[in-house]
Structures are given as C-alpha cells and as structure tokens.
Amino acid sequence: MIQAADVGIGISGQEGMQAVMASDFAISRFKH
C-alpha cells in the first residue's frame, strides 16, 4: 500500500521496520 501511493509514510513500531524501509518518510509515532 505504501509503495502504491504517491507519498508513503512508515511508522516504526512493534511490528518491525519493513514499512519504514519502503516509505518515503518515516516517523516514530503517529502523533508526529
């Protein structure tokens, strides 16, 4: 889903770093 979008944001968390590595931007928490 992140790769299909124009802009992808990955949240680093308990589920690992795969979303962060595939995203354009990475944040540590959703509040950011």
PDB file of all heavy atoms in Angstrom:
ATOM      1  N   MET A   1       0.833  -1.201   0.000  1.00  0.00           N
ATOM      2  CA  MET A   1       0.000   0.000   0.000  1.00  0.00           C
ATOM      3  C   MET A   1       0.868   1.252   0.000  1.00  0.00           C
ATOM      4  O   MET A   1       0.593   2.210  -0.728  1.00  0.00           O
ATOM      5  CB  MET A   1      -0.901  -0.006   1.235  1.00  0.00           C
ATOM      6  CG  MET A   1      -1.696   1.257   1.446  1.00  0.00           C
ATOM      7  SD  MET A   1      -2.617   1.266   2.983  1.00  0.00           S
ATOM      8  CE  MET A   1      -1.314   1.276   4.201  1.00  0.00           C
ATOM      9  N   ILE A   2       1.932   1.262   0.781  1.00  0.00           N
ATOM     10  CA  ILE A   2       2.835   2.407   0.843  1.00  0.00           C
ATOM     11  C   ILE A   2       3.516   2.619  -0.498  1.00  0.00           C
ATOM     12  O   ILE A   2       3.661   3.752  -0.976  1.00  0.00           O
ATOM     13  CB  ILE A   2       3.870   2.208   1.974  1.00  0.00           C
ATOM     14  CG1 ILE A   2       3.180   2.341   3.331  1.00  0.00           C
ATOM     15  CG2 ILE A   2       5.021   3.173   1.863  1.00  0.00           C
ATOM     16  CD1 ILE A   2       4.049   1.977   4.510  1.00  0.00           C
ATOM     17  N   GLN A   3       3.915   1.552  -1.152  1.00  0.00           N
ATOM     18  CA  GLN A   3       4.584   1.668  -2.438  1.00  0.00           C
ATOM     19  C   GLN A   3       3.633   2.063  -3.557  1.00  0.00           C
ATOM     20  O   GLN A   3       4.047   2.668  -4.543  1.00  0.00           O
ATOM     21  CB  GLN A   3       5.288   0.362  -2.784  1.00  0.00           C
ATOM     22  CG  GLN A   3       6.485   0.100  -1.897  1.00  0.00           C
ATOM     23  CD  GLN A   3       7.131  -1.238  -2.170  1.00  0.00           C
ATOM     24  OE1 GLN A   3       6.511  -2.157  -2.702  1.00  0.00           O
ATOM     25  NE2 GLN A   3       8.394  -1.357  -1.799  1.00  0.00           N
ATOM     26  N   ALA A   4       2.348   1.758  -3.432  1.00  0.00           N
ATOM     27  CA  ALA A   4       1.374   2.116  -4.460  1.00  0.00           C
ATOM     28  C   ALA A   4       0.970   3.578  -4.389  1.00  0.00           C
ATOM     29  O   ALA A   4       0.518   4.147  -5.381  1.00  0.00           O
ATOM     30  CB  ALA A   4       0.131   1.242  -4.337  1.00  0.00           C
ATOM     31  N   ALA A   5       1.157   4.226  -3.251  1.00  0.00           N
ATOM     32  CA  ALA A   5       0.741   5.616  -3.068  1.00  0.00           C
ATOM     33  C   ALA A   5       1.793   6.579  -3.617  1.00  0.00           C
ATOM     34  O   ALA A   5       2.946   6.222  -3.833  1.00  0.00           O
ATOM     35  CB  ALA A   5       0.506   5.890  -1.589  1.00  0.00           C
ATOM     36  N   ASP A   6       1.356   7.819  -3.828  1.00  0.00           N
ATOM     37  CA  ASP A   6       2.297   8.857  -4.246  1.00  0.00           C
ATOM     38  C   ASP A   6       3.281   9.189  -3.132  1.00  0.00           C
ATOM     39  O   ASP A   6       4.462   9.397  -3.379  1.00  0.00           O
ATOM     40  CB  ASP A   6       1.531  10.128  -4.643  1.00  0.00           C
ATOM     41  CG  ASP A   6       0.715   9.935  -5.898  1.00  0.00           C
ATOM     42  OD1 ASP A   6       1.281   9.455  -6.901  1.00  0.00           O
ATOM     43  OD2 ASP A   6      -0.486  10.249  -5.884  1.00  0.00           O
ATOM     44  N   VAL A   7       2.779   9.268  -1.921  1.00  0.00           N
ATOM     45  CA  VAL A   7       3.606   9.538  -0.750  1.00  0.00           C
ATOM     46  C   VAL A   7       3.330   8.444   0.275  1.00  0.00           C
ATOM     47  O   VAL A   7       2.183   8.184   0.614  1.00  0.00           O
ATOM     48  CB  VAL A   7       3.287  10.921  -0.133  1.00  0.00           C
ATOM     49  CG1 VAL A   7       4.137  11.167   1.097  1.00  0.00           C
ATOM     50  CG2 VAL A   7       3.486  12.027  -1.151  1.00  0.00           C
ATOM     51  N   GLY A   8       4.390   7.812   0.743  1.00  0.00           N
ATOM     52  CA  GLY A   8       4.255   6.764   1.737  1.00  0.00           C
ATOM     53  C   GLY A   8       4.938   7.151   3.029  1.00  0.00           C
ATOM     54  O   GLY A   8       6.063   7.657   3.023  1.00  0.00           O
ATOM     55  N   ILE A   9       4.244   6.935   4.124  1.00  0.00           N
ATOM     56  CA  ILE A   9       4.792   7.240   5.444  1.00  0.00           C
ATOM     57  C   ILE A   9       4.813   5.957   6.254  1.00  0.00           C
ATOM     58  O   ILE A   9       3.793   5.283   6.400  1.00  0.00           O
ATOM     59  CB  ILE A   9       3.951   8.314   6.161  1.00  0.00           C
ATOM     60  CG1 ILE A   9       3.981   9.615   5.370  1.00  0.00           C
ATOM     61  CG2 ILE A   9       4.473   8.543   7.582  1.00  0.00           C
ATOM     62  CD1 ILE A   9       3.103  10.699   5.933  1.00  0.00           C
ATOM     63  N   GLY A  10       5.989   5.623   6.761  1.00  0.00           N
ATOM     64  CA  GLY A  10       6.142   4.439   7.588  1.00  0.00           C
ATOM     65  C   GLY A  10       6.306   4.818   9.044  1.00  0.00           C
ATOM     66  O   GLY A  10       7.020   5.764   9.368  1.00  0.00           O
ATOM     67  N   ILE A  11       5.628   4.087   9.898  1.00  0.00           N
ATOM     68  CA  ILE A  11       5.723   4.320  11.335  1.00  0.00           C
ATOM     69  C   ILE A  11       6.528   3.183  11.932  1.00  0.00           C
ATOM     70  O   ILE A  11       6.140   2.018  11.812  1.00  0.00           O
ATOM     71  CB  ILE A  11       4.320   4.396  11.975  1.00  0.00           C
ATOM     72  CG1 ILE A  11       3.508   5.514  11.336  1.00  0.00           C
ATOM     73  CG2 ILE A  11       4.442   4.612  13.479  1.00  0.00           C
ATOM     74  CD1 ILE A  11       2.070   5.561  11.785  1.00  0.00           C
ATOM     75  N   SER A  12       7.648   3.527  12.546  1.00  0.00           N
ATOM     76  CA  SER A  12       8.462   2.485  13.176  1.00  0.00           C
ATOM     77  C   SER A  12       7.807   2.092  14.489  1.00  0.00           C
ATOM     78  O   SER A  12       7.427   2.931  15.288  1.00  0.00           O
ATOM     79  CB  SER A  12       9.887   2.991  13.416  1.00  0.00           C
ATOM     80  OG  SER A  12       9.880   4.109  14.257  1.00  0.00           O
ATOM     81  N   GLY A  13       7.663   0.811  14.656  1.00  0.00           N
ATOM     82  CA  GLY A  13       6.959   0.362  15.850  1.00  0.00           C
ATOM     83  C   GLY A  13       7.267  -1.062  16.196  1.00  0.00           C
ATOM     84  O   GLY A  13       8.319  -1.602  15.852  1.00  0.00           O
ATOM     85  N   GLN A  14       6.305  -1.692  16.848  1.00  0.00           N
ATOM     86  CA  GLN A  14       6.494  -3.043  17.345  1.00  0.00           C
ATOM     87  C   GLN A  14       6.465  -4.084  16.231  1.00  0.00           C
ATOM     88  O   GLN A  14       6.960  -5.189  16.402  1.00  0.00           O
ATOM     89  CB  GLN A  14       5.404  -3.357  18.367  1.00  0.00           C
ATOM     90  CG  GLN A  14       5.477  -2.471  19.587  1.00  0.00           C
ATOM     91  CD  GLN A  14       4.300  -2.681  20.516  1.00  0.00           C
ATOM     92  OE1 GLN A  14       3.357  -3.380  20.176  1.00  0.00           O
ATOM     93  NE2 GLN A  14       4.352  -2.062  21.676  1.00  0.00           N
ATOM     94  N   GLU A  15       5.872  -3.745  15.100  1.00  0.00           N
ATOM     95  CA  GLU A  15       5.743  -4.730  14.028  1.00  0.00           C
ATOM     96  C   GLU A  15       6.972  -4.812  13.133  1.00  0.00           C
ATOM     97  O   GLU A  15       6.985  -5.551  12.168  1.00  0.00           O
ATOM     98  CB  GLU A  15       4.513  -4.404  13.181  1.00  0.00           C
ATOM     99  CG  GLU A  15       3.218  -4.591  13.933  1.00  0.00           C
ATOM    100  CD  GLU A  15       2.027  -4.496  13.009  1.00  0.00           C
ATOM    101  OE1 GLU A  15       2.145  -4.862  11.829  1.00  0.00           O
ATOM    102  OE2 GLU A  15       0.978  -4.048  13.476  1.00  0.00           O
ATOM    103  N   GLY A  16       7.994  -4.025  13.397  1.00  0.00           N
ATOM    104  CA  GLY A  16       9.215  -4.097  12.612  1.00  0.00           C
ATOM    105  C   GLY A  16       9.450  -2.842  11.797  1.00  0.00           C
ATOM    106  O   GLY A  16       8.760  -1.833  11.937  1.00  0.00           O
ATOM    107  N   MET A  17      10.440  -2.931  10.922  1.00  0.00           N
ATOM    108  CA  MET A  17      10.876  -1.770  10.158  1.00  0.00           C
ATOM    109  C   MET A  17      10.580  -1.896   8.664  1.00  0.00           C
ATOM    110  O   MET A  17      11.060  -1.091   7.879  1.00  0.00           O
ATOM    111  CB  MET A  17      12.378  -1.563  10.365  1.00  0.00           C
ATOM    112  CG  MET A  17      12.781  -1.279  11.793  1.00  0.00           C
ATOM    113  SD  MET A  17      12.186   0.304  12.364  1.00  0.00           S
ATOM    114  CE  MET A  17      13.270   1.391  11.497  1.00  0.00           C
ATOM    115  N   GLN A  18       9.816  -2.879   8.228  1.00  0.00           N
ATOM    116  CA  GLN A  18       9.560  -3.069   6.802  1.00  0.00           C
ATOM    117  C   GLN A  18       8.830  -1.873   6.205  1.00  0.00           C
ATOM    118  O   GLN A  18       9.148  -1.433   5.105  1.00  0.00           O
ATOM    119  CB  GLN A  18       8.756  -4.356   6.552  1.00  0.00           C
ATOM    120  CG  GLN A  18       9.523  -5.623   6.786  1.00  0.00           C
ATOM    121  CD  GLN A  18       9.427  -6.082   8.223  1.00  0.00           C
ATOM    122  OE1 GLN A  18       8.848  -5.421   9.069  1.00  0.00           O
ATOM    123  NE2 GLN A  18      10.024  -7.229   8.509  1.00  0.00           N
ATOM    124  N   ALA A  19       7.847  -1.345   6.899  1.00  0.00           N
ATOM    125  CA  ALA A  19       7.093  -0.194   6.390  1.00  0.00           C
ATOM    126  C   ALA A  19       7.979   1.039   6.299  1.00  0.00           C
ATOM    127  O   ALA A  19       7.879   1.820   5.355  1.00  0.00           O
ATOM    128  CB  ALA A  19       5.880   0.090   7.271  1.00  0.00           C
ATOM    129  N   VAL A  20       8.862   1.207   7.265  1.00  0.00           N
ATOM    130  CA  VAL A  20       9.769   2.351   7.267  1.00  0.00           C
ATOM    131  C   VAL A  20      10.727   2.275   6.089  1.00  0.00           C
ATOM    132  O   VAL A  20      10.995   3.268   5.419  1.00  0.00           O
ATOM    133  CB  VAL A  20      10.526   2.438   8.610  1.00  0.00           C
ATOM    134  CG1 VAL A  20      11.637   3.462   8.560  1.00  0.00           C
ATOM    135  CG2 VAL A  20       9.563   2.754   9.731  1.00  0.00           C
ATOM    136  N   MET A  21      11.241   1.087   5.826  1.00  0.00           N
ATOM    137  CA  MET A  21      12.202   0.931   4.734  1.00  0.00           C
ATOM    138  C   MET A  21      11.550   1.120   3.364  1.00  0.00           C
ATOM    139  O   MET A  21      12.212   1.517   2.421  1.00  0.00           O
ATOM    140  CB  MET A  21      12.885  -0.436   4.828  1.00  0.00           C
ATOM    141  CG  MET A  21      13.808  -0.540   6.033  1.00  0.00           C
ATOM    142  SD  MET A  21      14.796  -2.037   6.072  1.00  0.00           S
ATOM    143  CE  MET A  21      13.561  -3.294   6.241  1.00  0.00           C
ATOM    144  N   ALA A  22      10.268   0.874   3.236  1.00  0.00           N
ATOM    145  CA  ALA A  22       9.576   1.015   1.956  1.00  0.00           C
ATOM    146  C   ALA A  22       8.966   2.395   1.766  1.00  0.00           C
ATOM    147  O   ALA A  22       8.463   2.695   0.699  1.00  0.00           O
ATOM    148  CB  ALA A  22       8.479  -0.044   1.847  1.00  0.00           C
ATOM    149  N   SER A  23       9.025   3.239   2.778  1.00  0.00           N
ATOM    150  CA  SER A  23       8.311   4.516   2.727  1.00  0.00           C
ATOM    151  C   SER A  23       9.202   5.659   2.261  1.00  0.00           C
ATOM    152  O   SER A  23      10.422   5.548   2.205  1.00  0.00           O
ATOM    153  CB  SER A  23       7.749   4.840   4.109  1.00  0.00           C
ATOM    154  OG  SER A  23       8.810   5.047   5.019  1.00  0.00           O
ATOM    155  N   ASP A  24       8.542   6.772   1.939  1.00  0.00           N
ATOM    156  CA  ASP A  24       9.250   7.997   1.576  1.00  0.00           C
ATOM    157  C   ASP A  24       9.685   8.759   2.826  1.00  0.00           C
ATOM    158  O   ASP A  24      10.731   9.390   2.842  1.00  0.00           O
ATOM    159  CB  ASP A  24       8.343   8.899   0.729  1.00  0.00           C
ATOM    160  CG  ASP A  24       7.922   8.232  -0.566  1.00  0.00           C
ATOM    161  OD1 ASP A  24       8.797   7.640  -1.228  1.00  0.00           O
ATOM    162  OD2 ASP A  24       6.735   8.286  -0.908  1.00  0.00           O
ATOM    163  N   PHE A  25       8.841   8.728   3.846  1.00  0.00           N
ATOM    164  CA  PHE A  25       9.111   9.403   5.106  1.00  0.00           C
ATOM    165  C   PHE A  25       8.865   8.424   6.239  1.00  0.00           C
ATOM    166  O   PHE A  25       7.989   7.572   6.156  1.00  0.00           O
ATOM    167  CB  PHE A  25       8.198  10.630   5.289  1.00  0.00           C
ATOM    168  CG  PHE A  25       8.385  11.672   4.231  1.00  0.00           C
ATOM    169  CD1 PHE A  25       7.530  11.727   3.145  1.00  0.00           C
ATOM    170  CD2 PHE A  25       9.410  12.592   4.317  1.00  0.00           C
ATOM    171  CE1 PHE A  25       7.699  12.677   2.162  1.00  0.00           C
ATOM    172  CE2 PHE A  25       9.589  13.548   3.349  1.00  0.00           C
ATOM    173  CZ  PHE A  25       8.726  13.595   2.264  1.00  0.00           C
ATOM    174  N   ALA A  26       9.627   8.594   7.314  1.00  0.00           N
ATOM    175  CA  ALA A  26       9.470   7.723   8.472  1.00  0.00           C
ATOM    176  C   ALA A  26       9.272   8.574   9.716  1.00  0.00           C
ATOM    177  O   ALA A  26       9.934   9.600   9.892  1.00  0.00           O
ATOM    178  CB  ALA A  26      10.698   6.841   8.638  1.00  0.00           C
ATOM    179  N   ILE A  27       8.345   8.148  10.547  1.00  0.00           N
ATOM    180  CA  ILE A  27       8.115   8.805  11.823  1.00  0.00           C
ATOM    181  C   ILE A  27       8.082   7.735  12.903  1.00  0.00           C
ATOM    182  O   ILE A  27       7.832   6.563  12.627  1.00  0.00           O
ATOM    183  CB  ILE A  27       6.805   9.639  11.823  1.00  0.00           C
ATOM    184  CG1 ILE A  27       5.598   8.795  11.414  1.00  0.00           C
ATOM    185  CG2 ILE A  27       6.940  10.844  10.923  1.00  0.00           C
ATOM    186  CD1 ILE A  27       4.276   9.535  11.448  1.00  0.00           C
ATOM    187  N   SER A  28       8.347   8.148  14.141  1.00  0.00           N
ATOM    188  CA  SER A  28       8.404   7.163  15.220  1.00  0.00           C
ATOM    189  C   SER A  28       7.035   6.897  15.840  1.00  0.00           C
ATOM    190  O   SER A  28       6.788   5.813  16.344  1.00  0.00           O
ATOM    191  CB  SER A  28       9.386   7.626  16.295  1.00  0.00           C
ATOM    192  OG  SER A  28       8.969   8.864  16.840  1.00  0.00           O
ATOM    193  N   ARG A  29       6.158   7.904  15.817  1.00  0.00           N
ATOM    194  CA  ARG A  29       4.826   7.745  16.389  1.00  0.00           C
ATOM    195  C   ARG A  29       3.807   8.430  15.484  1.00  0.00           C
ATOM    196  O   ARG A  29       4.114   9.360  14.756  1.00  0.00           O
ATOM    197  CB  ARG A  29       4.746   8.359  17.783  1.00  0.00           C
ATOM    198  CG  ARG A  29       5.687   7.756  18.769  1.00  0.00           C
ATOM    199  CD  ARG A  29       5.152   7.954  20.178  1.00  0.00           C
ATOM    200  NE  ARG A  29       6.097   7.588  21.214  1.00  0.00           N
ATOM    201  CZ  ARG A  29       6.442   6.362  21.530  1.00  0.00           C
ATOM    202  NH1 ARG A  29       5.937   5.364  20.873  1.00  0.00           N
ATOM    203  NH2 ARG A  29       7.297   6.123  22.500  1.00  0.00           N
ATOM    204  N   PHE A  30       2.582   7.962  15.577  1.00  0.00           N
ATOM    205  CA  PHE A  30       1.517   8.509  14.739  1.00  0.00           C
ATOM    206  C   PHE A  30       1.245   9.979  15.063  1.00  0.00           C
ATOM    207  O   PHE A  30       0.835  10.744  14.197  1.00  0.00           O
ATOM    208  CB  PHE A  30       0.236   7.685  14.926  1.00  0.00           C
ATOM    209  CG  PHE A  30      -0.791   7.943  13.868  1.00  0.00           C
ATOM    210  CD1 PHE A  30      -0.670   7.391  12.612  1.00  0.00           C
ATOM    211  CD2 PHE A  30      -1.875   8.766  14.136  1.00  0.00           C
ATOM    212  CE1 PHE A  30      -1.619   7.633  11.635  1.00  0.00           C
ATOM    213  CE2 PHE A  30      -2.825   9.008  13.163  1.00  0.00           C
ATOM    214  CZ  PHE A  30      -2.693   8.443  11.909  1.00  0.00           C
ATOM    215  N   LYS A  31       1.518  10.396  16.282  1.00  0.00           N
ATOM    216  CA  LYS A  31       1.260  11.785  16.670  1.00  0.00           C
ATOM    217  C   LYS A  31       2.176  12.772  15.943  1.00  0.00           C
ATOM    218  O   LYS A  31       1.868  13.958  15.888  1.00  0.00           O
ATOM    219  CB  LYS A  31       1.385  11.955  18.186  1.00  0.00           C
ATOM    220  CG  LYS A  31       2.797  11.798  18.711  1.00  0.00           C
ATOM    221  CD  LYS A  31       2.848  12.010  20.219  1.00  0.00           C
ATOM    222  CE  LYS A  31       4.269  11.897  20.731  1.00  0.00           C
ATOM    223  NZ  LYS A  31       4.339  12.180  22.150  1.00  0.00           N
ATOM    224  N   HIS A  32       3.278  12.301  15.367  1.00  0.00           N
ATOM    225  CA  HIS A  32       4.195  13.176  14.641  1.00  0.00           C
ATOM    226  C   HIS A  32       3.724  13.457  13.210  1.00  0.00           C
ATOM    227  O   HIS A  32       4.337  14.250  12.502  1.00  0.00           O
ATOM    228  CB  HIS A  32       5.598  12.575  14.606  1.00  0.00           C
ATOM    229  CG  HIS A  32       6.199  12.371  15.961  1.00  0.00           C
ATOM    230  ND1 HIS A  32       6.344  13.376  16.881  1.00  0.00           N
ATOM    231  CD2 HIS A  32       6.665  11.249  16.562  1.00  0.00           C
ATOM    232  CE1 HIS A  32       6.889  12.897  17.983  1.00  0.00           C
ATOM    233  NE2 HIS A  32       7.094  11.609  17.816  1.00  0.00           N
TER     234      HIS A  32
END
